[in-house]
Each structure stands twice: as C-alpha cells, then as structure tokens.
C-alpha atoms as a PDB file:
ATOM      1  CA  MET A   1      50.491 -15.484  10.671  1.00  0.00           C
ATOM      2  CA  LYS A   2      47.503 -15.876   7.903  1.00  0.00           C
ATOM      3  CA  ASP A   3      44.487 -13.616   8.277  1.00  0.00           C
ATOM      4  CA  LYS A   4      41.983 -15.808   6.782  1.00  0.00           C
ATOM      5  CA  LEU A   5      40.239 -18.757   8.104  1.00  0.00           C
ATOM      6  CA  ASN A   6      38.809 -21.109   6.649  1.00  0.00           C
ATOM      7  CA  ILE A   7      36.201 -23.445   8.259  1.00  0.00           C
ATOM      8  CA  VAL A   8      35.278 -27.083   6.981  1.00  0.00           C
ATOM      9  CA  PHE A   9      31.872 -28.333   8.619  1.00  0.00           C
ATOM     10  CA  PHE A  10      31.611 -32.163   8.861  1.00  0.00           C
ATOM     11  CA  PRO A  11      29.939 -34.451   9.037  1.00  0.00           C
ATOM     12  CA  TYR A  12      26.060 -33.084   9.225  1.00  0.00           C
ATOM     13  CA  SER A  13      24.451 -30.999   6.271  1.00  0.00           C
ATOM     14  CA  VAL A  14      24.258 -27.506   6.363  1.00  0.00           C
ATOM     15  CA  ASN A  15      21.581 -27.686   3.703  1.00  0.00           C
ATOM     16  CA  TYR A  16      19.277 -30.290   4.790  1.00  0.00           C
ATOM     17  CA  GLY A  17      18.040 -31.354   8.024  1.00  0.00           C
ATOM     18  CA  LEU A  18      15.834 -30.092  11.049  1.00  0.00           C
ATOM     19  CA  ALA A  19      17.486 -29.262  14.191  1.00  0.00           C
ATOM     20  CA  SER A  20      21.339 -29.914  13.658  1.00  0.00           C
ATOM     21  CA  ALA A  21      20.986 -27.994   9.954  1.00  0.00           C
ATOM     22  CA  ASN A  22      19.461 -24.987  11.588  1.00  0.00           C
ATOM     23  CA  ARG A  23      22.322 -24.703  14.082  1.00  0.00           C
ATOM     24  CA  LEU A  24      24.844 -24.788  11.681  1.00  0.00           C
ATOM     25  CA  GLN A  25      23.093 -22.517   9.283  1.00  0.00           C
ATOM     26  CA  ASN A  26      22.421 -20.025  12.196  1.00  0.00           C
ATOM     27  CA  ILE A  27      26.411 -20.460  12.920  1.00  0.00           C
ATOM     28  CA  VAL A  28      27.629 -20.354   9.387  1.00  0.00           C
ATOM     29  CA  HIS A  29      25.219 -17.069   8.886  1.00  0.00           C
ATOM     30  CA  TYR A  30      26.916 -15.007  11.579  1.00  0.00           C
ATOM     31  CA  LEU A  31      30.424 -16.274  10.238  1.00  0.00           C
ATOM     32  CA  ARG A  32      29.412 -14.912   7.044  1.00  0.00           C
ATOM     33  CA  LYS A  33      29.250 -11.347   8.104  1.00  0.00           C
ATOM     34  CA  GLU A  34      32.996 -11.334   8.307  1.00  0.00           C
ATOM     35  CA  ASN A  35      35.075 -10.647   4.852  1.00  0.00           C
ATOM     36  CA  ASN A  36      38.355 -12.961   5.649  1.00  0.00           C
ATOM     37  CA  ILE A  37      36.598 -16.316   6.880  1.00  0.00           C
ATOM     38  CA  THR A  38      35.655 -19.058   3.905  1.00  0.00           C
ATOM     39  CA  ILE A  39      33.093 -21.635   4.933  1.00  0.00           C
ATOM     40  CA  SER A  40      32.518 -25.240   3.586  1.00  0.00           C
ATOM     41  CA  ASN A  41      30.228 -28.449   4.140  1.00  0.00           C
ATOM     42  CA  ILE A  42      31.025 -32.369   3.885  1.00  0.00           C
ATOM     43  CA  ALA A  43      28.464 -34.213   4.723  1.00  0.00           C
ATOM     44  CA  LEU A  44      28.136 -37.903   5.201  1.00  0.00           C
ATOM     45  CA  GLU A  45      24.506 -39.582   4.678  1.00  0.00           C
ATOM     46  CA  ASP A  46      23.353 -42.435   4.217  1.00  0.00           C
ATOM     47  CA  LYS A  47      21.578 -41.987   1.237  1.00  0.00           C
ATOM     48  CA  SER A  48      20.790 -39.016  -1.016  1.00  0.00           C
ATOM     49  CA  LYS A  49      19.116 -35.586   0.706  1.00  0.00           C
ATOM     50  CA  LEU A  50      19.551 -33.020  -1.170  1.00  0.00           C
ATOM     51  CA  PHE A  51      17.143 -30.612  -2.183  1.00  0.00           C
ATOM     52  CA  ASP A  52      14.741 -30.606  -5.604  1.00  0.00           C
ATOM     53  CA  LYS A  53      16.121 -29.432  -8.416  1.00  0.00           C
ATOM     54  CA  GLY A  54      15.163 -26.128  -8.280  1.00  0.00           C
ATOM     55  CA  SER A  55      15.338 -25.586  -4.415  1.00  0.00           C
ATOM     56  CA  SER A  56      18.158 -23.254  -3.315  1.00  0.00           C
ATOM     57  CA  ILE A  57      21.053 -24.610  -1.118  1.00  0.00           C
ATOM     58  CA  PHE A  58      22.385 -22.515   1.847  1.00  0.00           C
ATOM     59  CA  LEU A  59      25.991 -23.284   1.300  1.00  0.00           C
ATOM     60  CA  ARG A  60      27.499 -23.577  -2.081  1.00  0.00           C
ATOM     61  CA  GLU A  61      30.718 -25.213  -0.968  1.00  0.00           C
ATOM     62  CA  TYR A  62      29.137 -28.125  -0.592  1.00  0.00           C
ATOM     63  CA  ALA A  63      29.581 -32.399  -0.754  1.00  0.00           C
ATOM     64  CA  GLU A  64      27.477 -34.735  -0.036  1.00  0.00           C
ATOM     65  CA  ILE A  65      29.368 -38.135   0.249  1.00  0.00           C
ATOM     66  CA  TYR A  66      27.000 -41.386   0.702  1.00  0.00           C
ATOM     67  CA  TYR A  67      28.565 -44.484   3.430  1.00  0.00           C
ATOM     68  CA  GLY A  68      25.234 -46.717   2.718  1.00  0.00           C
ATOM     69  CA  PRO A  69      23.037 -48.584   1.477  1.00  0.00           C
ATOM     70  CA  THR A  70      25.740 -50.723  -0.571  1.00  0.00           C
ATOM     71  CA  ILE A  71      29.680 -52.275   0.643  1.00  0.00           C
ATOM     72  CA  PHE A  72      30.362 -49.921  -2.878  1.00  0.00           C
ATOM     73  CA  HIS A  73      29.137 -46.668  -1.035  1.00  0.00           C
ATOM     74  CA  PHE A  74      31.013 -47.539   2.371  1.00  0.00           C
ATOM     75  CA  VAL A  75      34.336 -47.921   0.454  1.00  0.00           C
ATOM     76  CA  SER A  76      34.161 -45.551  -1.846  1.00  0.00           C
ATOM     77  CA  HIS A  77      32.834 -42.878   0.517  1.00  0.00           C
ATOM     78  CA  ILE A  78      36.215 -43.251   1.806  1.00  0.00           C
ATOM     79  CA  PHE A  79      38.209 -41.475  -1.376  1.00  0.00           C
ATOM     80  CA  LYS A  80      35.582 -38.895  -1.762  1.00  0.00           C
ATOM     81  CA  THR A  81      35.608 -37.760   1.960  1.00  0.00           C
ATOM     82  CA  ILE A  82      39.436 -37.921   1.519  1.00  0.00           C
ATOM     83  CA  GLY A  83      39.305 -35.836  -1.333  1.00  0.00           C
ATOM     84  CA  GLY A  84      36.602 -33.489  -0.209  1.00  0.00           C
ATOM     85  CA  LEU A  85      39.160 -32.291   3.120  1.00  0.00           C
ATOM     86  CA  HIS A  86      41.840 -31.692   0.281  1.00  0.00           C
ATOM     87  CA  LYS A  87      39.283 -29.774  -2.058  1.00  0.00           C
ATOM     88  CA  PHE A  88      37.941 -27.528   0.463  1.00  0.00           C
ATOM     89  CA  LYS A  89      41.169 -26.748   2.128  1.00  0.00           C
ATOM     90  CA  LYS A  90      42.780 -23.553   1.487  1.00  0.00           C
ATOM     91  CA  GLY A  91      46.689 -22.821   1.304  1.00  0.00           C
ATOM     92  CA  ASP A  92      46.470 -19.201   2.183  1.00  0.00           C
ATOM     93  CA  SER A  93      44.256 -19.661   5.485  1.00  0.00           C
ATOM     94  CA  GLN A  94      44.369 -21.202   8.495  1.00  0.00           C
ATOM     95  CA  ASN A  95      42.097 -24.712   8.325  1.00  0.00           C
ATOM     96  CA  LEU A  96      39.646 -25.594  11.018  1.00  0.00           C
ATOM     97  CA  LEU A  97      37.598 -28.441  10.807  1.00  0.00           C
ATOM     98  CA  TYR A  98      34.464 -27.923  12.822  1.00  0.00           C
ATOM     99  CA  PHE A  99      33.347 -31.357  13.880  1.00  0.00           C
ATOM    100  CA  TYR A 100      29.508 -31.766  14.652  1.00  0.00           C
ATOM    101  CA  ASP A 101      29.377 -35.320  15.442  1.00  0.00           C
ATOM    102  CA  TYR A 102      30.334 -38.182  17.547  1.00  0.00           C
ATOM    103  CA  ILE A 103      33.180 -40.792  16.764  1.00  0.00           C
ATOM    104  CA  ASP A 104      32.333 -43.642  15.020  1.00  0.00           C
ATOM    105  CA  ILE A 105      33.048 -45.987  12.752  1.00  0.00           C
ATOM    106  CA  LYS A 106      32.270 -43.585   9.756  1.00  0.00           C
ATOM    107  CA  ASN A 107      34.012 -40.582  10.605  1.00  0.00           C
ATOM    108  CA  PHE A 108      37.269 -41.366  13.110  1.00  0.00           C
ATOM    109  CA  PHE A 109      39.603 -42.273   9.994  1.00  0.00           C
ATOM    110  CA  PHE A 110      38.361 -39.078   8.195  1.00  0.00           C
ATOM    111  CA  VAL A 111      38.955 -37.219  11.679  1.00  0.00           C
ATOM    112  CA  LEU A 112      42.526 -37.979  12.213  1.00  0.00           C
ATOM    113  CA  TRP A 113      43.511 -37.942   7.609  1.00  0.00           C
ATOM    114  CA  ALA A 114      42.253 -34.073   8.531  1.00  0.00           C
ATOM    115  CA  LYS A 115      44.199 -33.511  11.567  1.00  0.00           C
ATOM    116  CA  ARG A 116      47.002 -35.154   9.461  1.00  0.00           C
ATOM    117  CA  ILE A 117      46.877 -32.708   5.944  1.00  0.00           C
ATOM    118  CA  GLY A 118      46.829 -29.618   8.536  1.00  0.00           C
ATOM    119  CA  LEU A 119      43.122 -29.407   9.432  1.00  0.00           C
ATOM    120  CA  LYS A 120      42.511 -27.999  13.178  1.00  0.00           C
END
C-alpha cells in the first residue's frame, strides 16, 4: 500500500473565486499540514480568471483550462484537461480526484477518464 496521497481538485479553482474557492482553500490549508499529501488543481473556466501577474497564487500546482467562448476552446479543453489529469497523477502515490461540482456535459467525460487512469 502506498503511503503518499495525491489529491487533484476539479473543476473549480482554488486560486480564484468567492465562496467555493474559500471552502477549497480551507481544505487545502488543512491538508498541507501533512507531509505525505500532494495537492493540485484543474479549474475549468469559461474565460480567464487568474489574478494579475503580481498577485500571489494560493496553489502553484494549477491548471486553468477554458471551455469557451468559442468552439475551438471547447474542443481544445478536452485534450488539455486529459493532459492535466495525466500530469497531476503521481505514480508513487494513491491518487484521488476531489470532484467539487455536479456532473454536466463539460465534466462528465473527465470524471470517467480520471477513474479509468486510476484516480479514485
């Protein structure tokens, strides 16, 4: 059994937002106290919501992927999200997808894909 735990938060941003981001930040803050836990975040957004270049980012292991406003963004976000799931999966850890949303057309496929590649 693997002693390390890798958690990928999906699809809301830990770095930007109001109530949902604050709740996720509280969870991440608590989990950071453990040395054997790594945390990353994939945020699906309709447009960029990153802070100014000078602002601090709460979680550095972060991918912000846009599914709009054009069909090109929607199609390319499929490949970018699959790549992000592979990128943040750690081979030496138990991998967990923390899905903080409801299932819809933008994320259904990705939850199935994450399960297929070994994220619980």
